[in-house]
Amino acid sequence: MSEPTFDFIIVGAGTAGCLLANRLSRDSSRRVLLIEAGGKDDYHWVHIPVGYLYCIGNPRTDWLYQTEPAAGLNGRTLRYPRGKVLGAAAASTA
């Protein structure tokens, strides 16, 4: 059996990645692979508008990134929320 080949490989199934994969795959002659490291969005707070308050800083839905220490912040770092679920918009809203 031969290795699968793809015309496009999209890394990240957040809002933009899913939209791009959808548009590219409309042409049935193209093979599109969409890769996402995060899990399903089955956490109830992901689907509630105010739920982002429970998603930011939560390792279930946020990659927990931090900025590098900045001189302008007196050496402090800041949270850099990034979604960790399919369609990652919920945890990225900050």
PDB file of N, CA and C in Angstrom:
ATOM      1  N   MET A   1       0.843  -1.178   0.000  1.00  0.00           N
ATOM      2  CA  MET A   1       0.000   0.000   0.000  1.00  0.00           C
ATOM      3  C   MET A   1       0.888   1.241   0.000  1.00  0.00           C
ATOM      4  N   SER A   2       0.584   2.197  -0.828  1.00  0.00           N
ATOM      5  CA  SER A   2       1.411   3.401  -0.926  1.00  0.00           C
ATOM      6  C   SER A   2       1.055   4.399   0.171  1.00  0.00           C
ATOM      7  N   GLU A   3       1.996   5.259   0.472  1.00  0.00           N
ATOM      8  CA  GLU A   3       1.783   6.310   1.459  1.00  0.00           C
ATOM      9  C   GLU A   3       0.762   7.309   0.913  1.00  0.00           C
ATOM     10  N   PRO A   4      -0.129   7.809   1.769  1.00  0.00           N
ATOM     11  CA  PRO A   4      -1.080   8.816   1.284  1.00  0.00           C
ATOM     12  C   PRO A   4      -0.356  10.114   0.934  1.00  0.00           C
ATOM     13  N   THR A   5      -0.830  10.791  -0.079  1.00  0.00           N
ATOM     14  CA  THR A   5      -0.269  12.090  -0.463  1.00  0.00           C
ATOM     15  C   THR A   5      -1.376  13.132  -0.406  1.00  0.00           C
ATOM     16  N   PHE A   6      -0.975  14.348  -0.130  1.00  0.00           N
ATOM     17  CA  PHE A   6      -1.931  15.443   0.001  1.00  0.00           C
ATOM     18  C   PHE A   6      -1.435  16.637  -0.799  1.00  0.00           C
ATOM     19  N   ASP A   7      -2.377  17.388  -1.326  1.00  0.00           N
ATOM     20  CA  ASP A   7      -2.044  18.626  -2.021  1.00  0.00           C
ATOM     21  C   ASP A   7      -1.782  19.752  -1.025  1.00  0.00           C
ATOM     22  N   PHE A   8      -2.503  19.713   0.092  1.00  0.00           N
ATOM     23  CA  PHE A   8      -2.367  20.738   1.126  1.00  0.00           C
ATOM     24  C   PHE A   8      -2.374  20.078   2.492  1.00  0.00           C
ATOM     25  N   ILE A   9      -1.508  20.563   3.379  1.00  0.00           N
ATOM     26  CA  ILE A   9      -1.509  20.131   4.774  1.00  0.00           C
ATOM     27  C   ILE A   9      -1.680  21.390   5.613  1.00  0.00           C
ATOM     28  N   ILE A  10      -2.738  21.424   6.397  1.00  0.00           N
ATOM     29  CA  ILE A  10      -3.038  22.582   7.231  1.00  0.00           C
ATOM     30  C   ILE A  10      -2.813  22.174   8.679  1.00  0.00           C
ATOM     31  N   VAL A  11      -1.972  22.913   9.378  1.00  0.00           N
ATOM     32  CA  VAL A  11      -1.663  22.621  10.775  1.00  0.00           C
ATOM     33  C   VAL A  11      -2.445  23.610  11.634  1.00  0.00           C
ATOM     34  N   GLY A  12      -3.364  23.084  12.418  1.00  0.00           N
ATOM     35  CA  GLY A  12      -4.186  23.914  13.289  1.00  0.00           C
ATOM     36  C   GLY A  12      -5.617  23.970  12.808  1.00  0.00           C
ATOM     37  N   ALA A  13      -6.518  23.365  13.569  1.00  0.00           N
ATOM     38  CA  ALA A  13      -7.927  23.340  13.193  1.00  0.00           C
ATOM     39  C   ALA A  13      -8.729  24.353  13.999  1.00  0.00           C
ATOM     40  N   GLY A  14      -8.140  25.539  14.152  1.00  0.00           N
ATOM     41  CA  GLY A  14      -8.887  26.641  14.737  1.00  0.00           C
ATOM     42  C   GLY A  14      -9.848  27.185  13.682  1.00  0.00           C
ATOM     43  N   THR A  15     -10.401  28.330  13.934  1.00  0.00           N
ATOM     44  CA  THR A  15     -11.367  28.912  13.018  1.00  0.00           C
ATOM     45  C   THR A  15     -10.794  29.054  11.615  1.00  0.00           C
ATOM     46  N   ALA A  16      -9.619  29.632  11.487  1.00  0.00           N
ATOM     47  CA  ALA A  16      -9.025  29.857  10.161  1.00  0.00           C
ATOM     48  C   ALA A  16      -8.642  28.548   9.481  1.00  0.00           C
ATOM     49  N   GLY A  17      -8.064  27.609  10.217  1.00  0.00           N
ATOM     50  CA  GLY A  17      -7.664  26.332   9.634  1.00  0.00           C
ATOM     51  C   GLY A  17      -8.846  25.545   9.108  1.00  0.00           C
ATOM     52  N   CYS A  18      -9.942  25.502   9.875  1.00  0.00           N
ATOM     53  CA  CYS A  18     -11.145  24.784   9.439  1.00  0.00           C
ATOM     54  C   CYS A  18     -11.761  25.443   8.213  1.00  0.00           C
ATOM     55  N   LEU A  19     -11.809  26.759   8.223  1.00  0.00           N
ATOM     56  CA  LEU A  19     -12.363  27.480   7.075  1.00  0.00           C
ATOM     57  C   LEU A  19     -11.532  27.222   5.825  1.00  0.00           C
ATOM     58  N   LEU A  20     -10.228  27.303   5.948  1.00  0.00           N
ATOM     59  CA  LEU A  20      -9.348  27.066   4.805  1.00  0.00           C
ATOM     60  C   LEU A  20      -9.484  25.634   4.291  1.00  0.00           C
ATOM     61  N   ALA A  21      -9.505  24.668   5.188  1.00  0.00           N
ATOM     62  CA  ALA A  21      -9.663  23.264   4.780  1.00  0.00           C
ATOM     63  C   ALA A  21     -10.986  23.050   4.061  1.00  0.00           C
ATOM     64  N   ASN A  22     -12.031  23.669   4.558  1.00  0.00           N
ATOM     65  CA  ASN A  22     -13.342  23.547   3.922  1.00  0.00           C
ATOM     66  C   ASN A  22     -13.319  24.099   2.499  1.00  0.00           C
ATOM     67  N   ARG A  23     -12.748  25.263   2.337  1.00  0.00           N
ATOM     68  CA  ARG A  23     -12.722  25.885   0.998  1.00  0.00           C
ATOM     69  C   ARG A  23     -11.838  25.113   0.027  1.00  0.00           C
ATOM     70  N   LEU A  24     -10.691  24.654   0.494  1.00  0.00           N
ATOM     71  CA  LEU A  24      -9.794  23.909  -0.388  1.00  0.00           C
ATOM     72  C   LEU A  24     -10.385  22.561  -0.781  1.00  0.00           C
ATOM     73  N   SER A  25     -11.129  21.946   0.132  1.00  0.00           N
ATOM     74  CA  SER A  25     -11.665  20.614  -0.143  1.00  0.00           C
ATOM     75  C   SER A  25     -12.931  20.636  -0.996  1.00  0.00           C
ATOM     76  N   ARG A  26     -13.443  21.795  -1.322  1.00  0.00           N
ATOM     77  CA  ARG A  26     -14.606  21.866  -2.214  1.00  0.00           C
ATOM     78  C   ARG A  26     -14.283  21.322  -3.603  1.00  0.00           C
ATOM     79  N   ASP A  27     -13.030  21.446  -3.985  1.00  0.00           N
ATOM     80  CA  ASP A  27     -12.575  20.861  -5.257  1.00  0.00           C
ATOM     81  C   ASP A  27     -12.207  19.410  -4.962  1.00  0.00           C
ATOM     82  N   SER A  28     -13.015  18.482  -5.444  1.00  0.00           N
ATOM     83  CA  SER A  28     -12.815  17.073  -5.112  1.00  0.00           C
ATOM     84  C   SER A  28     -11.522  16.485  -5.667  1.00  0.00           C
ATOM     85  N   SER A  29     -10.852  17.203  -6.547  1.00  0.00           N
ATOM     86  CA  SER A  29      -9.577  16.699  -7.074  1.00  0.00           C
ATOM     87  C   SER A  29      -8.415  16.998  -6.123  1.00  0.00           C
ATOM     88  N   ARG A  30      -8.650  17.829  -5.102  1.00  0.00           N
ATOM     89  CA  ARG A  30      -7.613  18.174  -4.134  1.00  0.00           C
ATOM     90  C   ARG A  30      -7.747  17.311  -2.886  1.00  0.00           C
ATOM     91  N   ARG A  31      -6.603  16.895  -2.372  1.00  0.00           N
ATOM     92  CA  ARG A  31      -6.571  16.136  -1.119  1.00  0.00           C
ATOM     93  C   ARG A  31      -6.023  17.052  -0.035  1.00  0.00           C
ATOM     94  N   VAL A  32      -6.815  17.231   1.019  1.00  0.00           N
ATOM     95  CA  VAL A  32      -6.474  18.167   2.091  1.00  0.00           C
ATOM     96  C   VAL A  32      -6.374  17.402   3.411  1.00  0.00           C
ATOM     97  N   LEU A  33      -5.288  17.626   4.135  1.00  0.00           N
ATOM     98  CA  LEU A  33      -5.106  17.042   5.461  1.00  0.00           C
ATOM     99  C   LEU A  33      -5.132  18.175   6.481  1.00  0.00           C
ATOM    100  N   LEU A  34      -6.016  18.063   7.466  1.00  0.00           N
ATOM    101  CA  LEU A  34      -6.130  19.050   8.540  1.00  0.00           C
ATOM    102  C   LEU A  34      -5.668  18.381   9.835  1.00  0.00           C
ATOM    103  N   ILE A  35      -4.644  18.950  10.471  1.00  0.00           N
ATOM    104  CA  ILE A  35      -4.055  18.369  11.686  1.00  0.00           C
ATOM    105  C   ILE A  35      -4.343  19.299  12.862  1.00  0.00           C
ATOM    106  N   GLU A  36      -4.812  18.722  13.965  1.00  0.00           N
ATOM    107  CA  GLU A  36      -5.071  19.496  15.173  1.00  0.00           C
ATOM    108  C   GLU A  36      -4.534  18.726  16.375  1.00  0.00           C
ATOM    109  N   ALA A  37      -3.752  19.391  17.219  1.00  0.00           N
ATOM    110  CA  ALA A  37      -3.181  18.755  18.406  1.00  0.00           C
ATOM    111  C   ALA A  37      -4.153  18.758  19.576  1.00  0.00           C
ATOM    112  N   GLY A  38      -5.056  19.720  19.614  1.00  0.00           N
ATOM    113  CA  GLY A  38      -6.022  19.789  20.705  1.00  0.00           C
ATOM    114  C   GLY A  38      -7.128  18.763  20.527  1.00  0.00           C
ATOM    115  N   GLY A  39      -7.993  18.687  21.516  1.00  0.00           N
ATOM    116  CA  GLY A  39      -9.062  17.697  21.485  1.00  0.00           C
ATOM    117  C   GLY A  39     -10.385  18.247  20.987  1.00  0.00           C
ATOM    118  N   LYS A  40     -11.435  17.443  21.172  1.00  0.00           N
ATOM    119  CA  LYS A  40     -12.782  17.834  20.789  1.00  0.00           C
ATOM    120  C   LYS A  40     -13.242  18.984  21.681  1.00  0.00           C
ATOM    121  N   ASP A  41     -14.207  19.743  21.186  1.00  0.00           N
ATOM    122  CA  ASP A  41     -14.732  20.875  21.967  1.00  0.00           C
ATOM    123  C   ASP A  41     -15.947  20.444  22.797  1.00  0.00           C
ATOM    124  N   ASP A  42     -15.817  19.334  23.532  1.00  0.00           N
ATOM    125  CA  ASP A  42     -16.939  18.814  24.309  1.00  0.00           C
ATOM    126  C   ASP A  42     -17.020  19.380  25.735  1.00  0.00           C
ATOM    127  N   TYR A  43     -16.184  20.330  26.048  1.00  0.00           N
ATOM    128  CA  TYR A  43     -16.230  21.002  27.352  1.00  0.00           C
ATOM    129  C   TYR A  43     -17.348  22.043  27.282  1.00  0.00           C
ATOM    130  N   HIS A  44     -18.315  21.995  28.177  1.00  0.00           N
ATOM    131  CA  HIS A  44     -19.503  22.847  28.050  1.00  0.00           C
ATOM    132  C   HIS A  44     -19.190  24.347  28.029  1.00  0.00           C
ATOM    133  N   TRP A  45     -18.136  24.798  28.696  1.00  0.00           N
ATOM    134  CA  TRP A  45     -17.816  26.223  28.728  1.00  0.00           C
ATOM    135  C   TRP A  45     -17.364  26.752  27.374  1.00  0.00           C
ATOM    136  N   VAL A  46     -16.923  25.885  26.477  1.00  0.00           N
ATOM    137  CA  VAL A  46     -16.489  26.319  25.143  1.00  0.00           C
ATOM    138  C   VAL A  46     -17.677  26.876  24.359  1.00  0.00           C
ATOM    139  N   HIS A  47     -18.889  26.427  24.651  1.00  0.00           N
ATOM    140  CA  HIS A  47     -20.066  26.785  23.869  1.00  0.00           C
ATOM    141  C   HIS A  47     -20.915  27.892  24.484  1.00  0.00           C
ATOM    142  N   ILE A  48     -20.477  28.450  25.588  1.00  0.00           N
ATOM    143  CA  ILE A  48     -21.209  29.519  26.263  1.00  0.00           C
ATOM    144  C   ILE A  48     -20.392  30.803  26.124  1.00  0.00           C
ATOM    145  N   PRO A  49     -21.016  31.908  25.650  1.00  0.00           N
ATOM    146  CA  PRO A  49     -20.231  33.132  25.417  1.00  0.00           C
ATOM    147  C   PRO A  49     -19.347  33.569  26.579  1.00  0.00           C
ATOM    148  N   VAL A  50     -19.835  33.544  27.798  1.00  0.00           N
ATOM    149  CA  VAL A  50     -19.012  33.949  28.940  1.00  0.00           C
ATOM    150  C   VAL A  50     -18.048  32.839  29.358  1.00  0.00           C
ATOM    151  N   GLY A  51     -18.149  31.681  28.719  1.00  0.00           N
ATOM    152  CA  GLY A  51     -17.328  30.531  29.072  1.00  0.00           C
ATOM    153  C   GLY A  51     -15.841  30.730  28.860  1.00  0.00           C
ATOM    154  N   TYR A  52     -15.462  31.733  28.039  1.00  0.00           N
ATOM    155  CA  TYR A  52     -14.034  31.962  27.834  1.00  0.00           C
ATOM    156  C   TYR A  52     -13.330  32.264  29.151  1.00  0.00           C
ATOM    157  N   LEU A  53     -14.064  32.773  30.129  1.00  0.00           N
ATOM    158  CA  LEU A  53     -13.475  33.037  31.437  1.00  0.00           C
ATOM    159  C   LEU A  53     -13.003  31.751  32.108  1.00  0.00           C
ATOM    160  N   TYR A  54     -13.649  30.628  31.788  1.00  0.00           N
ATOM    161  CA  TYR A  54     -13.292  29.338  32.360  1.00  0.00           C
ATOM    162  C   TYR A  54     -12.347  28.548  31.446  1.00  0.00           C
ATOM    163  N   CYS A  55     -12.140  29.051  30.242  1.00  0.00           N
ATOM    164  CA  CYS A  55     -11.268  28.357  29.290  1.00  0.00           C
ATOM    165  C   CYS A  55      -9.844  28.910  29.312  1.00  0.00           C
ATOM    166  N   ILE A  56      -9.718  30.215  29.501  1.00  0.00           N
ATOM    167  CA  ILE A  56      -8.391  30.829  29.561  1.00  0.00           C
ATOM    168  C   ILE A  56      -7.699  30.394  30.854  1.00  0.00           C
ATOM    169  N   GLY A  57      -6.503  29.875  30.723  1.00  0.00           N
ATOM    170  CA  GLY A  57      -5.768  29.394  31.888  1.00  0.00           C
ATOM    171  C   GLY A  57      -6.130  27.976  32.304  1.00  0.00           C
ATOM    172  N   ASN A  58      -6.989  27.341  31.554  1.00  0.00           N
ATOM    173  CA  ASN A  58      -7.406  25.971  31.836  1.00  0.00           C
ATOM    174  C   ASN A  58      -6.645  25.044  30.885  1.00  0.00           C
ATOM    175  N   PRO A  59      -5.819  24.140  31.383  1.00  0.00           N
ATOM    176  CA  PRO A  59      -5.014  23.297  30.496  1.00  0.00           C
ATOM    177  C   PRO A  59      -5.849  22.405  29.577  1.00  0.00           C
ATOM    178  N   ARG A  60      -7.126  22.242  29.871  1.00  0.00           N
ATOM    179  CA  ARG A  60      -7.998  21.459  28.993  1.00  0.00           C
ATOM    180  C   ARG A  60      -8.287  22.193  27.686  1.00  0.00           C
ATOM    181  N   THR A  61      -8.300  23.525  27.730  1.00  0.00           N
ATOM    182  CA  THR A  61      -8.702  24.309  26.562  1.00  0.00           C
ATOM    183  C   THR A  61      -7.689  25.366  26.126  1.00  0.00           C
ATOM    184  N   ASP A  62      -6.606  25.533  26.859  1.00  0.00           N
ATOM    185  CA  ASP A  62      -5.631  26.591  26.591  1.00  0.00           C
ATOM    186  C   ASP A  62      -4.222  25.987  26.602  1.00  0.00           C
ATOM    187  N   TRP A  63      -3.395  26.383  25.639  1.00  0.00           N
ATOM    188  CA  TRP A  63      -2.018  25.878  25.589  1.00  0.00           C
ATOM    189  C   TRP A  63      -1.145  26.471  26.695  1.00  0.00           C
ATOM    190  N   LEU A  64      -1.626  27.455  27.433  1.00  0.00           N
ATOM    191  CA  LEU A  64      -0.934  28.074  28.571  1.00  0.00           C
ATOM    192  C   LEU A  64       0.382  28.744  28.173  1.00  0.00           C
ATOM    193  N   TYR A  65       0.407  29.356  27.003  1.00  0.00           N
ATOM    194  CA  TYR A  65       1.605  30.073  26.567  1.00  0.00           C
ATOM    195  C   TYR A  65       1.784  31.342  27.376  1.00  0.00           C
ATOM    196  N   GLN A  66       3.041  31.755  27.521  1.00  0.00           N
ATOM    197  CA  GLN A  66       3.376  33.020  28.170  1.00  0.00           C
ATOM    198  C   GLN A  66       4.367  33.753  27.288  1.00  0.00           C
ATOM    199  N   THR A  67       4.337  35.079  27.365  1.00  0.00           N
ATOM    200  CA  THR A  67       5.304  35.865  26.613  1.00  0.00           C
ATOM    201  C   THR A  67       6.664  35.779  27.312  1.00  0.00           C
ATOM    202  N   GLU A  68       7.680  36.190  26.625  1.00  0.00           N
ATOM    203  CA  GLU A  68       9.003  36.297  27.246  1.00  0.00           C
ATOM    204  C   GLU A  68       8.996  37.488  28.206  1.00  0.00           C
ATOM    205  N   PRO A  69       9.833  37.471  29.221  1.00  0.00           N
ATOM    206  CA  PRO A  69       9.913  38.640  30.106  1.00  0.00           C
ATOM    207  C   PRO A  69      10.252  39.889  29.287  1.00  0.00           C
ATOM    208  N   ALA A  70       9.542  40.969  29.576  1.00  0.00           N
ATOM    209  CA  ALA A  70       9.725  42.204  28.812  1.00  0.00           C
ATOM    210  C   ALA A  70      10.211  43.332  29.726  1.00  0.00           C
ATOM    211  N   ALA A  71      11.194  44.060  29.230  1.00  0.00           N
ATOM    212  CA  ALA A  71      11.732  45.178  30.013  1.00  0.00           C
ATOM    213  C   ALA A  71      10.638  46.208  30.296  1.00  0.00           C
ATOM    214  N   GLY A  72       9.773  46.461  29.317  1.00  0.00           N
ATOM    215  CA  GLY A  72       8.684  47.430  29.485  1.00  0.00           C
ATOM    216  C   GLY A  72       7.635  46.996  30.499  1.00  0.00           C
ATOM    217  N   LEU A  73       7.682  45.743  30.894  1.00  0.00           N
ATOM    218  CA  LEU A  73       6.770  45.228  31.914  1.00  0.00           C
ATOM    219  C   LEU A  73       7.510  44.928  33.207  1.00  0.00           C
ATOM    220  N   ASN A  74       8.683  45.555  33.352  1.00  0.00           N
ATOM    221  CA  ASN A  74       9.505  45.375  34.544  1.00  0.00           C
ATOM    222  C   ASN A  74       9.920  43.910  34.708  1.00  0.00           C
ATOM    223  N   GLY A  75      10.190  43.248  33.570  1.00  0.00           N
ATOM    224  CA  GLY A  75      10.653  41.874  33.595  1.00  0.00           C
ATOM    225  C   GLY A  75       9.562  40.823  33.719  1.00  0.00           C
ATOM    226  N   ARG A  76       8.308  41.268  33.762  1.00  0.00           N
ATOM    227  CA  ARG A  76       7.202  40.321  33.917  1.00  0.00           C
ATOM    228  C   ARG A  76       6.829  39.675  32.573  1.00  0.00           C
ATOM    229  N   THR A  77       6.080  38.586  32.684  1.00  0.00           N
ATOM    230  CA  THR A  77       5.532  37.921  31.500  1.00  0.00           C
ATOM    231  C   THR A  77       4.020  38.098  31.507  1.00  0.00           C
ATOM    232  N   LEU A  78       3.401  37.879  30.357  1.00  0.00           N
ATOM    233  CA  LEU A  78       1.947  37.939  30.231  1.00  0.00           C
ATOM    234  C   LEU A  78       1.423  36.612  29.716  1.00  0.00           C
ATOM    235  N   ARG A  79       0.195  36.291  30.083  1.00  0.00           N
ATOM    236  CA  ARG A  79      -0.462  35.119  29.491  1.00  0.00           C
ATOM    237  C   ARG A  79      -0.717  35.402  28.023  1.00  0.00           C
ATOM    238  N   TYR A  80      -0.643  34.363  27.221  1.00  0.00           N
ATOM    239  CA  TYR A  80      -0.928  34.483  25.790  1.00  0.00           C
ATOM    240  C   TYR A  80      -1.900  33.358  25.440  1.00  0.00           C
ATOM    241  N   PRO A  81      -3.196  33.543  25.753  1.00  0.00           N
ATOM    242  CA  PRO A  81      -4.170  32.472  25.567  1.00  0.00           C
ATOM    243  C   PRO A  81      -4.284  32.033  24.107  1.00  0.00           C
ATOM    244  N   ARG A  82      -4.216  30.743  23.877  1.00  0.00           N
ATOM    245  CA  ARG A  82      -4.387  30.133  22.553  1.00  0.00           C
ATOM    246  C   ARG A  82      -5.239  28.895  22.731  1.00  0.00           C
ATOM    247  N   GLY A  83      -6.275  28.781  21.924  1.00  0.00           N
ATOM    248  CA  GLY A  83      -7.218  27.684  22.023  1.00  0.00           C
ATOM    249  C   GLY A  83      -6.585  26.325  21.786  1.00  0.00           C
ATOM    250  N   LYS A  84      -7.083  25.329  22.484  1.00  0.00           N
ATOM    251  CA  LYS A  84      -6.549  23.978  22.415  1.00  0.00           C
ATOM    252  C   LYS A  84      -7.658  22.971  22.103  1.00  0.00           C
ATOM    253  N   VAL A  85      -8.616  23.404  21.294  1.00  0.00           N
ATOM    254  CA  VAL A  85      -9.708  22.531  20.872  1.00  0.00           C
ATOM    255  C   VAL A  85      -9.995  22.768  19.401  1.00  0.00           C
ATOM    256  N   LEU A  86     -10.711  21.840  18.809  1.00  0.00           N
ATOM    257  CA  LEU A  86     -11.129  21.995  17.429  1.00  0.00           C
ATOM    258  C   LEU A  86     -11.985  23.252  17.323  1.00  0.00           C
ATOM    259  N   GLY A  87     -11.623  24.161  16.422  1.00  0.00           N
ATOM    260  CA  GLY A  87     -12.350  25.414  16.290  1.00  0.00           C
ATOM    261  C   GLY A  87     -11.970  26.420  17.362  1.00  0.00           C
ATOM    262  N   ALA A  88     -10.787  26.433  17.825  1.00  0.00           N
ATOM    263  CA  ALA A  88     -10.212  27.079  19.007  1.00  0.00           C
ATOM    264  C   ALA A  88     -10.611  28.500  19.361  1.00  0.00           C
ATOM    265  N   ALA A  89     -11.614  29.066  18.793  1.00  0.00           N
ATOM    266  CA  ALA A  89     -11.947  30.469  19.058  1.00  0.00           C
ATOM    267  C   ALA A  89     -12.260  30.750  20.525  1.00  0.00           C
ATOM    268  N   ALA A  90     -12.882  29.833  21.220  1.00  0.00           N
ATOM    269  CA  ALA A  90     -13.328  30.109  22.595  1.00  0.00           C
ATOM    270  C   ALA A  90     -12.191  30.480  23.522  1.00  0.00           C
ATOM    271  N   ALA A  91     -11.122  29.725  23.542  1.00  0.00           N
ATOM    272  CA  ALA A  91     -10.020  30.000  24.465  1.00  0.00           C
ATOM    273  C   ALA A  91      -9.087  31.064  23.932  1.00  0.00           C
ATOM    274  N   SER A  92      -9.256  31.480  22.685  1.00  0.00           N
ATOM    275  CA  SER A  92      -8.377  32.496  22.116  1.00  0.00           C
ATOM    276  C   SER A  92      -8.918  33.899  22.280  1.00  0.00           C
ATOM    277  N   THR A  93     -10.116  34.040  22.797  1.00  0.00           N
ATOM    278  CA  THR A  93     -10.750  35.349  22.913  1.00  0.00           C
ATOM    279  C   THR A  93     -10.243  36.042  24.171  1.00  0.00           C
ATOM    280  N   ALA A  94      -9.303  36.942  23.979  1.00  0.00           N
ATOM    281  CA  ALA A  94      -8.804  37.685  25.134  1.00  0.00           C
ATOM    282  C   ALA A  94      -8.212  38.992  24.680  1.00  0.00           C
TER     283      ALA A  94
END
